[in-house]
C-alpha atoms as a PDB file:
ATOM      1  CA  MET A   1     136.736 -48.424  11.367  1.00  0.00           C
ATOM      2  CA  THR A   2     140.125 -48.978   9.785  1.00  0.00           C
ATOM      3  CA  LYS A   3     143.422 -47.803  11.248  1.00  0.00           C
ATOM      4  CA  LEU A   4     143.654 -45.191   8.499  1.00  0.00           C
ATOM      5  CA  GLY A   5     140.163 -43.896   9.365  1.00  0.00           C
ATOM      6  CA  VAL A   6     141.024 -43.636  13.052  1.00  0.00           C
ATOM      7  CA  PHE A   7     144.258 -41.848  12.188  1.00  0.00           C
ATOM      8  CA  LEU A   8     142.510 -39.317   9.939  1.00  0.00           C
ATOM      9  CA  LEU A   9     139.788 -38.692  12.513  1.00  0.00           C
ATOM     10  CA  THR A  10     142.452 -38.092  15.173  1.00  0.00           C
ATOM     11  CA  VAL A  11     144.308 -35.622  12.945  1.00  0.00           C
ATOM     12  CA  VAL A  12     141.096 -33.695  12.219  1.00  0.00           C
ATOM     13  CA  CYS A  13     140.161 -33.538  15.922  1.00  0.00           C
ATOM     14  CA  ILE A  14     143.611 -32.339  16.959  1.00  0.00           C
ATOM     15  CA  SER A  15     143.545 -29.667  14.242  1.00  0.00           C
ATOM     16  CA  LEU A  16     140.146 -28.414  15.393  1.00  0.00           C
ATOM     17  CA  LEU A  17     141.218 -28.326  19.046  1.00  0.00           C
ATOM     18  CA  ALA A  18     144.451 -26.502  18.217  1.00  0.00           C
ATOM     19  CA  GLY A  19     142.498 -23.850  16.322  1.00  0.00           C
ATOM     20  CA  ALA A  20     140.048 -23.417  19.189  1.00  0.00           C
ATOM     21  CA  CYS A  21     142.859 -22.937  21.717  1.00  0.00           C
ATOM     22  CA  ASN A  22     144.384 -20.049  19.773  1.00  0.00           C
ATOM     23  CA  LYS A  23     141.706 -17.469  20.447  1.00  0.00           C
ATOM     24  CA  PHE A  24     143.765 -14.536  19.120  1.00  0.00           C
ATOM     25  CA  PRO A  25     146.526 -16.138  17.045  1.00  0.00           C
ATOM     26  CA  SER A  26     147.141 -13.074  14.899  1.00  0.00           C
ATOM     27  CA  VAL A  27     147.436 -10.453  17.647  1.00  0.00           C
ATOM     28  CA  ALA A  28     150.768  -8.735  17.114  1.00  0.00           C
ATOM     29  CA  LEU A  29     152.593  -6.373  19.420  1.00  0.00           C
ATOM     30  CA  THR A  30     151.610  -3.411  17.284  1.00  0.00           C
ATOM     31  CA  ASP A  31     148.294  -1.745  16.576  1.00  0.00           C
ATOM     32  CA  SER A  32     146.294  -4.101  14.395  1.00  0.00           C
ATOM     33  CA  SER A  33     142.817  -4.522  13.054  1.00  0.00           C
ATOM     34  CA  ILE A  34     140.979  -7.745  13.891  1.00  0.00           C
ATOM     35  CA  ALA A  35     137.275  -8.323  13.308  1.00  0.00           C
ATOM     36  CA  GLY A  36     136.637  -4.633  12.713  1.00  0.00           C
ATOM     37  CA  SER A  37     138.250  -3.539  15.978  1.00  0.00           C
ATOM     38  CA  THR A  38     141.519  -1.669  16.253  1.00  0.00           C
ATOM     39  CA  PHE A  39     143.567  -3.055  19.118  1.00  0.00           C
ATOM     40  CA  LYS A  40     146.197  -0.894  20.784  1.00  0.00           C
ATOM     41  CA  GLU A  41     149.412  -1.656  22.620  1.00  0.00           C
ATOM     42  CA  LEU A  42     150.144  -0.264  26.074  1.00  0.00           C
ATOM     43  CA  LYS A  43     153.682  -0.531  27.441  1.00  0.00           C
ATOM     44  CA  LEU A  44     154.085  -0.234  31.186  1.00  0.00           C
ATOM     45  CA  GLU A  45     156.956  -0.313  33.619  1.00  0.00           C
ATOM     46  CA  ILE A  46     156.081  -1.748  37.024  1.00  0.00           C
ATOM     47  CA  PRO A  47     159.048  -1.200  39.369  1.00  0.00           C
ATOM     48  CA  THR A  48     157.361  -3.157  42.169  1.00  0.00           C
ATOM     49  CA  ILE A  49     157.796  -6.444  40.243  1.00  0.00           C
ATOM     50  CA  ALA A  50     160.606  -8.191  42.099  1.00  0.00           C
ATOM     51  CA  CYS A  51     160.493 -11.599  40.387  1.00  0.00           C
ATOM     52  CA  THR A  52     158.412 -13.760  38.056  1.00  0.00           C
ATOM     53  CA  GLY A  53     156.319 -14.767  41.073  1.00  0.00           C
ATOM     54  CA  CYS A  54     154.677 -11.325  40.894  1.00  0.00           C
ATOM     55  CA  TRP A  55     153.558 -11.976  37.330  1.00  0.00           C
ATOM     56  CA  PRO A  56     150.256 -13.821  38.067  1.00  0.00           C
ATOM     57  CA  ARG A  57     149.040 -10.895  40.193  1.00  0.00           C
ATOM     58  CA  ILE A  58     149.849  -8.334  37.482  1.00  0.00           C
ATOM     59  CA  GLU A  59     148.339 -10.465  34.722  1.00  0.00           C
ATOM     60  CA  ALA A  60     145.120 -11.093  36.685  1.00  0.00           C
ATOM     61  CA  SER A  61     144.731  -7.388  37.484  1.00  0.00           C
ATOM     62  CA  ALA A  62     145.138  -6.341  33.857  1.00  0.00           C
ATOM     63  CA  LYS A  63     142.921  -9.109  32.464  1.00  0.00           C
ATOM     64  CA  SER A  64     140.140  -8.207  34.896  1.00  0.00           C
ATOM     65  CA  VAL A  65     139.548  -5.062  32.816  1.00  0.00           C
ATOM     66  CA  PRO A  66     137.002  -5.657  30.030  1.00  0.00           C
ATOM     67  CA  GLY A  67     138.679  -5.063  26.675  1.00  0.00           C
ATOM     68  CA  VAL A  68     142.136  -6.330  27.658  1.00  0.00           C
ATOM     69  CA  ILE A  69     143.053  -8.931  25.053  1.00  0.00           C
ATOM     70  CA  GLU A  70     146.554 -10.027  25.998  1.00  0.00           C
ATOM     71  CA  VAL A  71     149.161  -9.371  28.704  1.00  0.00           C
ATOM     72  CA  ARG A  72     152.841 -10.201  28.181  1.00  0.00           C
ATOM     73  CA  LEU A  73     156.097  -9.677  29.988  1.00  0.00           C
ATOM     74  CA  ASP A  74     158.584  -7.708  27.914  1.00  0.00           C
ATOM     75  CA  ARG A  75     161.498  -9.956  27.004  1.00  0.00           C
ATOM     76  CA  LYS A  76     164.014  -7.198  27.735  1.00  0.00           C
ATOM     77  CA  SER A  77     162.998  -6.465  31.318  1.00  0.00           C
ATOM     78  CA  ILE A  78     161.013  -8.351  33.951  1.00  0.00           C
ATOM     79  CA  GLN A  79     159.571  -5.031  35.133  1.00  0.00           C
ATOM     80  CA  ARG A  80     158.060  -4.155  31.747  1.00  0.00           C
ATOM     81  CA  VAL A  81     154.643  -5.331  30.622  1.00  0.00           C
ATOM     82  CA  ILE A  82     152.981  -5.123  27.205  1.00  0.00           C
ATOM     83  CA  ILE A  83     149.187  -5.076  27.133  1.00  0.00           C
ATOM     84  CA  ILE A  84     147.023  -5.415  24.028  1.00  0.00           C
ATOM     85  CA  TYR A  85     143.597  -3.826  24.509  1.00  0.00           C
ATOM     86  CA  ASP A  86     140.519  -2.696  22.626  1.00  0.00           C
ATOM     87  CA  PRO A  87     140.202   1.114  22.980  1.00  0.00           C
ATOM     88  CA  ALA A  88     136.479   0.850  22.266  1.00  0.00           C
ATOM     89  CA  GLN A  89     136.088  -1.049  25.561  1.00  0.00           C
ATOM     90  CA  THR A  90     138.761   0.370  27.873  1.00  0.00           C
ATOM     91  CA  SER A  91     141.484   2.967  28.281  1.00  0.00           C
ATOM     92  CA  PRO A  92     145.093   2.959  29.459  1.00  0.00           C
ATOM     93  CA  SER A  93     144.070   4.769  32.662  1.00  0.00           C
ATOM     94  CA  ALA A  94     141.519   2.047  33.514  1.00  0.00           C
ATOM     95  CA  ILE A  95     144.150  -0.661  33.015  1.00  0.00           C
ATOM     96  CA  ILE A  96     146.715   1.228  35.104  1.00  0.00           C
ATOM     97  CA  MET A  97     144.190   1.827  37.906  1.00  0.00           C
ATOM     98  CA  SER A  98     143.356  -1.887  38.001  1.00  0.00           C
ATOM     99  CA  ILE A  99     147.024  -2.815  38.442  1.00  0.00           C
ATOM    100  CA  GLU A 100     147.628  -0.063  41.005  1.00  0.00           C
ATOM    101  CA  LYS A 101     144.747  -1.352  43.182  1.00  0.00           C
ATOM    102  CA  ASN A 102     147.083  -4.142  44.353  1.00  0.00           C
ATOM    103  CA  GLY A 103     149.688  -1.648  45.541  1.00  0.00           C
ATOM    104  CA  ASP A 104     151.900  -1.829  42.465  1.00  0.00           C
ATOM    105  CA  ARG A 105     153.462   1.330  41.080  1.00  0.00           C
ATOM    106  CA  VAL A 106     152.869   1.752  37.325  1.00  0.00           C
ATOM    107  CA  ILE A 107     154.652   3.997  34.834  1.00  0.00           C
ATOM    108  CA  ALA A 108     153.238   4.320  31.302  1.00  0.00           C
ATOM    109  CA  LEU A 109     156.010   4.132  28.703  1.00  0.00           C
ATOM    110  CA  PRO A 110     155.954   6.029  25.391  1.00  0.00           C
ATOM    111  CA  GLU A 111     154.811   4.052  22.364  1.00  0.00           C
END
């Protein structure tokens, strides 16, 4: 195989892997429709978050709920979390209960 062939094969493989890693590349932080499902945004304040070290616990709790698509820290405040979820699979109360099981206090913020 020529150097050009190896180069082109490498570029194709990297492109395919990059696409596979971005499972939900078009999920925005607003309600959106993807694959026939309407995803919703849930904004929470969690006063018990003291530092970024608490983040893995919060993220794992939220993602353990079926239907949770994405969990992000709000850029404005370390104690605010934005969760993208599928309302056909879960509800805000189920997500909040999952986070509260670890002893965290959760306040739902208005949309």
